[in-house]
């Protein structure tokens, strides 16, 4: 992917596209909601998105658009 996104930014945007809130993403990644917001802002800047709709469209165009379980599968055990 030539978007220039860092791995954590890709994780965050994938979870945003999947419909999770910042609080849900923060819990899942064990980071603060403010850190989630900062990652989201960085991604929006890098992708030239000015709204959440534009962010989601840009992420999907890059192939980032999975369900949360595909991003972080639960351990069976």
PDB file of N, CA and C in Angstrom:
ATOM      1  N   UNK A   1       0.850  -1.178   0.000  1.00  0.00           N
ATOM      2  CA  UNK A   1       0.000   0.000   0.000  1.00  0.00           C
ATOM      3  C   UNK A   1       0.890   1.232   0.000  1.00  0.00           C
ATOM      4  N   UNK A   2       0.646   2.150  -0.869  1.00  0.00           N
ATOM      5  CA  UNK A   2       1.493   3.325  -1.012  1.00  0.00           C
ATOM      6  C   UNK A   2       0.927   4.543  -0.286  1.00  0.00           C
ATOM      7  N   UNK A   3       0.079   4.334   0.686  1.00  0.00           N
ATOM      8  CA  UNK A   3      -0.566   5.443   1.393  1.00  0.00           C
ATOM      9  C   UNK A   3       0.354   6.114   2.398  1.00  0.00           C
ATOM     10  N   UNK A   4       1.431   5.453   2.790  1.00  0.00           N
ATOM     11  CA  UNK A   4       2.335   6.008   3.772  1.00  0.00           C
ATOM     12  C   UNK A   4       1.831   5.881   5.197  1.00  0.00           C
ATOM     13  N   UNK A   5       0.820   5.046   5.419  1.00  0.00           N
ATOM     14  CA  UNK A   5       0.283   4.860   6.760  1.00  0.00           C
ATOM     15  C   UNK A   5       1.176   3.926   7.562  1.00  0.00           C
ATOM     16  N   UNK A   6       1.313   4.247   8.822  1.00  0.00           N
ATOM     17  CA  UNK A   6       2.036   3.373   9.744  1.00  0.00           C
ATOM     18  C   UNK A   6       1.112   2.220  10.145  1.00  0.00           C
ATOM     19  N   UNK A   7       1.687   1.131  10.633  1.00  0.00           N
ATOM     20  CA  UNK A   7       0.846  -0.021  10.993  1.00  0.00           C
ATOM     21  C   UNK A   7      -0.272   0.317  11.987  1.00  0.00           C
ATOM     22  N   UNK A   8       0.027   1.114  13.009  1.00  0.00           N
ATOM     23  CA  UNK A   8      -0.998   1.462  14.004  1.00  0.00           C
ATOM     24  C   UNK A   8      -2.078   2.333  13.367  1.00  0.00           C
ATOM     25  N   UNK A   9      -1.683   3.227  12.485  1.00  0.00           N
ATOM     26  CA  UNK A   9      -2.666   4.060  11.793  1.00  0.00           C
ATOM     27  C   UNK A   9      -3.586   3.196  10.943  1.00  0.00           C
ATOM     28  N   UNK A  10      -3.014   2.198  10.293  1.00  0.00           N
ATOM     29  CA  UNK A  10      -3.823   1.280   9.488  1.00  0.00           C
ATOM     30  C   UNK A  10      -4.804   0.512  10.364  1.00  0.00           C
ATOM     31  N   UNK A  11      -4.352   0.069  11.541  1.00  0.00           N
ATOM     32  CA  UNK A  11      -5.246  -0.624  12.466  1.00  0.00           C
ATOM     33  C   UNK A  11      -6.395   0.282  12.880  1.00  0.00           C
ATOM     34  N   UNK A  12      -6.071   1.502  13.252  1.00  0.00           N
ATOM     35  CA  UNK A  12      -7.092   2.442  13.712  1.00  0.00           C
ATOM     36  C   UNK A  12      -8.103   2.719  12.610  1.00  0.00           C
ATOM     37  N   UNK A  13      -7.625   3.021  11.399  1.00  0.00           N
ATOM     38  CA  UNK A  13      -8.562   3.349  10.329  1.00  0.00           C
ATOM     39  C   UNK A  13      -9.398   2.136   9.943  1.00  0.00           C
ATOM     40  N   UNK A  14      -8.837   0.944  10.001  1.00  0.00           N
ATOM     41  CA  UNK A  14      -9.616  -0.253   9.695  1.00  0.00           C
ATOM     42  C   UNK A  14     -10.753  -0.418  10.699  1.00  0.00           C
ATOM     43  N   UNK A  15     -10.486  -0.111  11.949  1.00  0.00           N
ATOM     44  CA  UNK A  15     -11.529  -0.227  12.973  1.00  0.00           C
ATOM     45  C   UNK A  15     -12.549   0.896  12.846  1.00  0.00           C
ATOM     46  N   UNK A  16     -12.117   2.075  12.409  1.00  0.00           N
ATOM     47  CA  UNK A  16     -13.055   3.169  12.140  1.00  0.00           C
ATOM     48  C   UNK A  16     -13.996   2.750  11.013  1.00  0.00           C
ATOM     49  N   UNK A  17     -13.424   2.218   9.935  1.00  0.00           N
ATOM     50  CA  UNK A  17     -14.230   1.775   8.795  1.00  0.00           C
ATOM     51  C   UNK A  17     -15.200   0.676   9.225  1.00  0.00           C
ATOM     52  N   UNK A  18     -14.774  -0.158  10.158  1.00  0.00           N
ATOM     53  CA  UNK A  18     -15.632  -1.241  10.653  1.00  0.00           C
ATOM     54  C   UNK A  18     -16.752  -0.738  11.555  1.00  0.00           C
ATOM     55  N   UNK A  19     -16.706   0.556  11.915  1.00  0.00           N
ATOM     56  CA  UNK A  19     -17.801   1.144  12.677  1.00  0.00           C
ATOM     57  C   UNK A  19     -17.575   1.285  14.165  1.00  0.00           C
ATOM     58  N   UNK A  20     -16.365   1.040  14.643  1.00  0.00           N
ATOM     59  CA  UNK A  20     -16.095   1.176  16.069  1.00  0.00           C
ATOM     60  C   UNK A  20     -15.907   2.640  16.442  1.00  0.00           C
ATOM     61  N   UNK A  21     -16.286   2.968  17.672  1.00  0.00           N
ATOM     62  CA  UNK A  21     -16.075   4.316  18.195  1.00  0.00           C
ATOM     63  C   UNK A  21     -14.631   4.443  18.694  1.00  0.00           C
ATOM     64  N   UNK A  22     -14.219   5.666  18.958  1.00  0.00           N
ATOM     65  CA  UNK A  22     -12.867   5.885  19.476  1.00  0.00           C
ATOM     66  C   UNK A  22     -12.655   5.156  20.793  1.00  0.00           C
ATOM     67  N   UNK A  23     -13.662   5.153  21.648  1.00  0.00           N
ATOM     68  CA  UNK A  23     -13.534   4.444  22.928  1.00  0.00           C
ATOM     69  C   UNK A  23     -13.389   2.950  22.719  1.00  0.00           C
ATOM     70  N   UNK A  24     -14.155   2.391  21.787  1.00  0.00           N
ATOM     71  CA  UNK A  24     -14.061   0.958  21.499  1.00  0.00           C
ATOM     72  C   UNK A  24     -12.694   0.604  20.906  1.00  0.00           C
ATOM     73  N   UNK A  25     -12.217   1.460  20.015  1.00  0.00           N
ATOM     74  CA  UNK A  25     -10.903   1.238  19.415  1.00  0.00           C
ATOM     75  C   UNK A  25      -9.821   1.324  20.490  1.00  0.00           C
ATOM     76  N   UNK A  26      -9.930   2.309  21.356  1.00  0.00           N
ATOM     77  CA  UNK A  26      -8.949   2.475  22.435  1.00  0.00           C
ATOM     78  C   UNK A  26      -8.896   1.248  23.330  1.00  0.00           C
ATOM     79  N   UNK A  27     -10.059   0.734  23.689  1.00  0.00           N
ATOM     80  CA  UNK A  27     -10.089  -0.474  24.527  1.00  0.00           C
ATOM     81  C   UNK A  27      -9.452  -1.651  23.807  1.00  0.00           C
ATOM     82  N   UNK A  28      -9.788  -1.813  22.541  1.00  0.00           N
ATOM     83  CA  UNK A  28      -9.293  -2.953  21.771  1.00  0.00           C
ATOM     84  C   UNK A  28      -7.773  -2.888  21.597  1.00  0.00           C
ATOM     85  N   UNK A  29      -7.223  -1.682  21.404  1.00  0.00           N
ATOM     86  CA  UNK A  29      -5.795  -1.524  21.168  1.00  0.00           C
ATOM     87  C   UNK A  29      -5.006  -1.203  22.433  1.00  0.00           C
ATOM     88  N   UNK A  30      -5.712  -1.052  23.549  1.00  0.00           N
ATOM     89  CA  UNK A  30      -5.093  -0.721  24.834  1.00  0.00           C
ATOM     90  C   UNK A  30      -4.318   0.594  24.753  1.00  0.00           C
ATOM     91  N   UNK A  31      -4.986   1.607  24.187  1.00  0.00           N
ATOM     92  CA  UNK A  31      -4.450   2.964  24.118  1.00  0.00           C
ATOM     93  C   UNK A  31      -5.558   3.920  24.542  1.00  0.00           C
ATOM     94  N   UNK A  32      -5.235   5.193  24.701  1.00  0.00           N
ATOM     95  CA  UNK A  32      -6.255   6.144  25.138  1.00  0.00           C
ATOM     96  C   UNK A  32      -7.097   6.610  23.942  1.00  0.00           C
ATOM     97  N   UNK A  33      -8.333   7.032  24.202  1.00  0.00           N
ATOM     98  CA  UNK A  33      -9.162   7.587  23.131  1.00  0.00           C
ATOM     99  C   UNK A  33      -8.517   8.801  22.459  1.00  0.00           C
ATOM    100  N   UNK A  34      -7.740   9.573  23.209  1.00  0.00           N
ATOM    101  CA  UNK A  34      -7.050  10.721  22.619  1.00  0.00           C
ATOM    102  C   UNK A  34      -5.981  10.274  21.625  1.00  0.00           C
ATOM    103  N   UNK A  35      -5.317   9.166  21.931  1.00  0.00           N
ATOM    104  CA  UNK A  35      -4.332   8.616  21.003  1.00  0.00           C
ATOM    105  C   UNK A  35      -5.024   8.123  19.739  1.00  0.00           C
ATOM    106  N   UNK A  36      -6.184   7.511  19.898  1.00  0.00           N
ATOM    107  CA  UNK A  36      -6.965   7.077  18.736  1.00  0.00           C
ATOM    108  C   UNK A  36      -7.296   8.288  17.870  1.00  0.00           C
ATOM    109  N   UNK A  37      -7.745   9.357  18.506  1.00  0.00           N
ATOM    110  CA  UNK A  37      -8.098  10.575  17.765  1.00  0.00           C
ATOM    111  C   UNK A  37      -6.894  11.113  17.001  1.00  0.00           C
ATOM    112  N   UNK A  38      -5.729  11.111  17.632  1.00  0.00           N
ATOM    113  CA  UNK A  38      -4.518  11.618  16.978  1.00  0.00           C
ATOM    114  C   UNK A  38      -4.155  10.749  15.769  1.00  0.00           C
ATOM    115  N   UNK A  39      -4.230   9.431  15.925  1.00  0.00           N
ATOM    116  CA  UNK A  39      -3.958   8.541  14.793  1.00  0.00           C
ATOM    117  C   UNK A  39      -4.949   8.815  13.656  1.00  0.00           C
ATOM    118  N   UNK A  40      -6.208   8.985  14.009  1.00  0.00           N
ATOM    119  CA  UNK A  40      -7.236   9.250  12.996  1.00  0.00           C
ATOM    120  C   UNK A  40      -6.960  10.577  12.279  1.00  0.00           C
ATOM    121  N   UNK A  41      -6.568  11.596  13.032  1.00  0.00           N
ATOM    122  CA  UNK A  41      -6.228  12.889  12.438  1.00  0.00           C
ATOM    123  C   UNK A  41      -5.042  12.756  11.482  1.00  0.00           C
ATOM    124  N   UNK A  42      -4.033  11.990  11.883  1.00  0.00           N
ATOM    125  CA  UNK A  42      -2.864  11.787  11.027  1.00  0.00           C
ATOM    126  C   UNK A  42      -3.256  11.089   9.729  1.00  0.00           C
ATOM    127  N   UNK A  43      -4.111  10.085   9.841  1.00  0.00           N
ATOM    128  CA  UNK A  43      -4.559   9.354   8.658  1.00  0.00           C
ATOM    129  C   UNK A  43      -5.357  10.276   7.748  1.00  0.00           C
ATOM    130  N   UNK A  44      -6.233  11.074   8.324  1.00  0.00           N
ATOM    131  CA  UNK A  44      -7.034  11.987   7.519  1.00  0.00           C
ATOM    132  C   UNK A  44      -6.130  12.966   6.762  1.00  0.00           C
ATOM    133  N   UNK A  45      -5.104  13.467   7.429  1.00  0.00           N
ATOM    134  CA  UNK A  45      -4.169  14.386   6.782  1.00  0.00           C
ATOM    135  C   UNK A  45      -3.431  13.675   5.653  1.00  0.00           C
ATOM    136  N   UNK A  46      -2.923  12.479   5.923  1.00  0.00           N
ATOM    137  CA  UNK A  46      -2.162  11.737   4.918  1.00  0.00           C
ATOM    138  C   UNK A  46      -3.010  11.366   3.707  1.00  0.00           C
ATOM    139  N   UNK A  47      -4.290  11.077   3.928  1.00  0.00           N
ATOM    140  CA  UNK A  47      -5.163  10.665   2.833  1.00  0.00           C
ATOM    141  C   UNK A  47      -5.929  11.838   2.222  1.00  0.00           C
ATOM    142  N   UNK A  48      -5.763  13.028   2.785  1.00  0.00           N
ATOM    143  CA  UNK A  48      -6.440  14.203   2.258  1.00  0.00           C
ATOM    144  C   UNK A  48      -7.937  14.199   2.513  1.00  0.00           C
ATOM    145  N   UNK A  49      -8.349  13.549   3.583  1.00  0.00           N
ATOM    146  CA  UNK A  49      -9.774  13.475   3.933  1.00  0.00           C
ATOM    147  C   UNK A  49     -10.130  14.623   4.868  1.00  0.00           C
ATOM    148  N   UNK A  50     -11.300  15.219   4.627  1.00  0.00           N
ATOM    149  CA  UNK A  50     -11.754  16.340   5.449  1.00  0.00           C
ATOM    150  C   UNK A  50     -12.981  15.997   6.275  1.00  0.00           C
ATOM    151  N   UNK A  51     -13.452  14.772   6.153  1.00  0.00           N
ATOM    152  CA  UNK A  51     -14.597  14.315   6.944  1.00  0.00           C
ATOM    153  C   UNK A  51     -14.461  12.814   7.142  1.00  0.00           C
ATOM    154  N   UNK A  52     -15.263  12.280   8.043  1.00  0.00           N
ATOM    155  CA  UNK A  52     -15.235  10.839   8.286  1.00  0.00           C
ATOM    156  C   UNK A  52     -15.668  10.084   7.031  1.00  0.00           C
ATOM    157  N   UNK A  53     -16.638  10.623   6.303  1.00  0.00           N
ATOM    158  CA  UNK A  53     -17.093   9.962   5.072  1.00  0.00           C
ATOM    159  C   UNK A  53     -15.948   9.880   4.062  1.00  0.00           C
ATOM    160  N   UNK A  54     -15.197  10.962   3.921  1.00  0.00           N
ATOM    161  CA  UNK A  54     -14.052  10.958   3.009  1.00  0.00           C
ATOM    162  C   UNK A  54     -12.972   9.995   3.488  1.00  0.00           C
ATOM    163  N   UNK A  55     -12.759   9.940   4.800  1.00  0.00           N
ATOM    164  CA  UNK A  55     -11.775   9.011   5.360  1.00  0.00           C
ATOM    165  C   UNK A  55     -12.159   7.576   5.029  1.00  0.00           C
ATOM    166  N   UNK A  56     -13.423   7.243   5.236  1.00  0.00           N
ATOM    167  CA  UNK A  56     -13.890   5.885   4.974  1.00  0.00           C
ATOM    168  C   UNK A  56     -13.774   5.552   3.490  1.00  0.00           C
ATOM    169  N   UNK A  57     -14.163   6.479   2.634  1.00  0.00           N
ATOM    170  CA  UNK A  57     -14.040   6.263   1.194  1.00  0.00           C
ATOM    171  C   UNK A  57     -12.580   6.046   0.784  1.00  0.00           C
ATOM    172  N   UNK A  58     -11.674   6.878   1.308  1.00  0.00           N
ATOM    173  CA  UNK A  58     -10.255   6.763   0.967  1.00  0.00           C
ATOM    174  C   UNK A  58      -9.679   5.445   1.477  1.00  0.00           C
ATOM    175  N   UNK A  59     -10.069   5.061   2.691  1.00  0.00           N
ATOM    176  CA  UNK A  59      -9.570   3.807   3.259  1.00  0.00           C
ATOM    177  C   UNK A  59     -10.048   2.616   2.437  1.00  0.00           C
ATOM    178  N   UNK A  60     -11.315   2.621   2.066  1.00  0.00           N
ATOM    179  CA  UNK A  60     -11.848   1.525   1.252  1.00  0.00           C
ATOM    180  C   UNK A  60     -11.172   1.468  -0.108  1.00  0.00           C
ATOM    181  N   UNK A  61     -10.854   2.622  -0.677  1.00  0.00           N
ATOM    182  CA  UNK A  61     -10.160   2.659  -1.966  1.00  0.00           C
ATOM    183  C   UNK A  61      -8.773   2.024  -1.861  1.00  0.00           C
ATOM    184  N   UNK A  62      -8.185   2.083  -0.664  1.00  0.00           N
ATOM    185  CA  UNK A  62      -6.882   1.472  -0.416  1.00  0.00           C
ATOM    186  C   UNK A  62      -6.995   0.009   0.001  1.00  0.00           C
ATOM    187  N   UNK A  63      -8.229  -0.472   0.103  1.00  0.00           N
ATOM    188  CA  UNK A  63      -8.430  -1.861   0.527  1.00  0.00           C
ATOM    189  C   UNK A  63      -8.489  -2.028   2.023  1.00  0.00           C
ATOM    190  N   UNK A  64      -8.625  -0.926   2.740  1.00  0.00           N
ATOM    191  CA  UNK A  64      -8.752  -0.984   4.197  1.00  0.00           C
ATOM    192  C   UNK A  64     -10.242  -0.888   4.500  1.00  0.00           C
ATOM    193  N   UNK A  65     -10.842  -1.998   4.821  1.00  0.00           N
ATOM    194  CA  UNK A  65     -12.266  -1.986   5.090  1.00  0.00           C
ATOM    195  C   UNK A  65     -12.725  -3.351   5.503  1.00  0.00           C
ATOM    196  N   UNK A  66     -12.249  -3.777   6.637  1.00  0.00           N
ATOM    197  CA  UNK A  66     -12.554  -5.106   7.120  1.00  0.00           C
ATOM    198  C   UNK A  66     -13.431  -5.025   8.353  1.00  0.00           C
ATOM    199  N   UNK A  67     -13.885  -6.152   8.793  1.00  0.00           N
ATOM    200  CA  UNK A  67     -14.618  -6.205  10.045  1.00  0.00           C
ATOM    201  C   UNK A  67     -13.611  -6.257  11.189  1.00  0.00           C
ATOM    202  N   UNK A  68     -14.000  -5.856  12.393  1.00  0.00           N
ATOM    203  CA  UNK A  68     -13.059  -5.882  13.522  1.00  0.00           C
ATOM    204  C   UNK A  68     -12.459  -7.260  13.752  1.00  0.00           C
ATOM    205  N   UNK A  69     -13.224  -8.334  13.557  1.00  0.00           N
ATOM    206  CA  UNK A  69     -12.700  -9.667  13.799  1.00  0.00           C
ATOM    207  C   UNK A  69     -11.625 -10.039  12.785  1.00  0.00           C
ATOM    208  N   UNK A  70     -11.671  -9.445  11.603  1.00  0.00           N
ATOM    209  CA  UNK A  70     -10.609  -9.705  10.618  1.00  0.00           C
ATOM    210  C   UNK A  70      -9.363  -8.929  10.962  1.00  0.00           C
ATOM    211  N   UNK A  71      -9.514  -7.769  11.588  1.00  0.00           N
ATOM    212  CA  UNK A  71      -8.361  -6.963  11.982  1.00  0.00           C
ATOM    213  C   UNK A  71      -7.677  -7.602  13.186  1.00  0.00           C
ATOM    214  N   UNK A  72      -8.459  -8.005  14.168  1.00  0.00           N
ATOM    215  CA  UNK A  72      -7.942  -8.608  15.382  1.00  0.00           C
ATOM    216  C   UNK A  72      -8.760  -9.853  15.728  1.00  0.00           C
ATOM    217  N   UNK A  73      -8.430 -11.004  15.139  1.00  0.00           N
ATOM    218  CA  UNK A  73      -9.204 -12.196  15.445  1.00  0.00           C
ATOM    219  C   UNK A  73      -9.052 -12.589  16.908  1.00  0.00           C
ATOM    220  N   UNK A  74     -10.136 -13.066  17.482  1.00  0.00           N
ATOM    221  CA  UNK A  74     -10.104 -13.512  18.885  1.00  0.00           C
ATOM    222  C   UNK A  74      -9.398 -14.847  18.968  1.00  0.00           C
ATOM    223  N   UNK A  75      -8.637 -15.002  20.055  1.00  0.00           N
ATOM    224  CA  UNK A  75      -7.970 -16.286  20.280  1.00  0.00           C
ATOM    225  C   UNK A  75      -8.992 -17.306  20.701  1.00  0.00           C
ATOM    226  N   UNK A  76      -8.863 -18.497  20.182  1.00  0.00           N
ATOM    227  CA  UNK A  76      -9.773 -19.572  20.577  1.00  0.00           C
ATOM    228  C   UNK A  76      -9.125 -20.391  21.660  1.00  0.00           C
ATOM    229  N   UNK A  77      -9.301 -19.957  22.891  1.00  0.00           N
ATOM    230  CA  UNK A  77      -8.721 -20.756  23.943  1.00  0.00           C
ATOM    231  C   UNK A  77      -8.609 -20.052  25.166  1.00  0.00           C
TER     232      UNK A  77
END
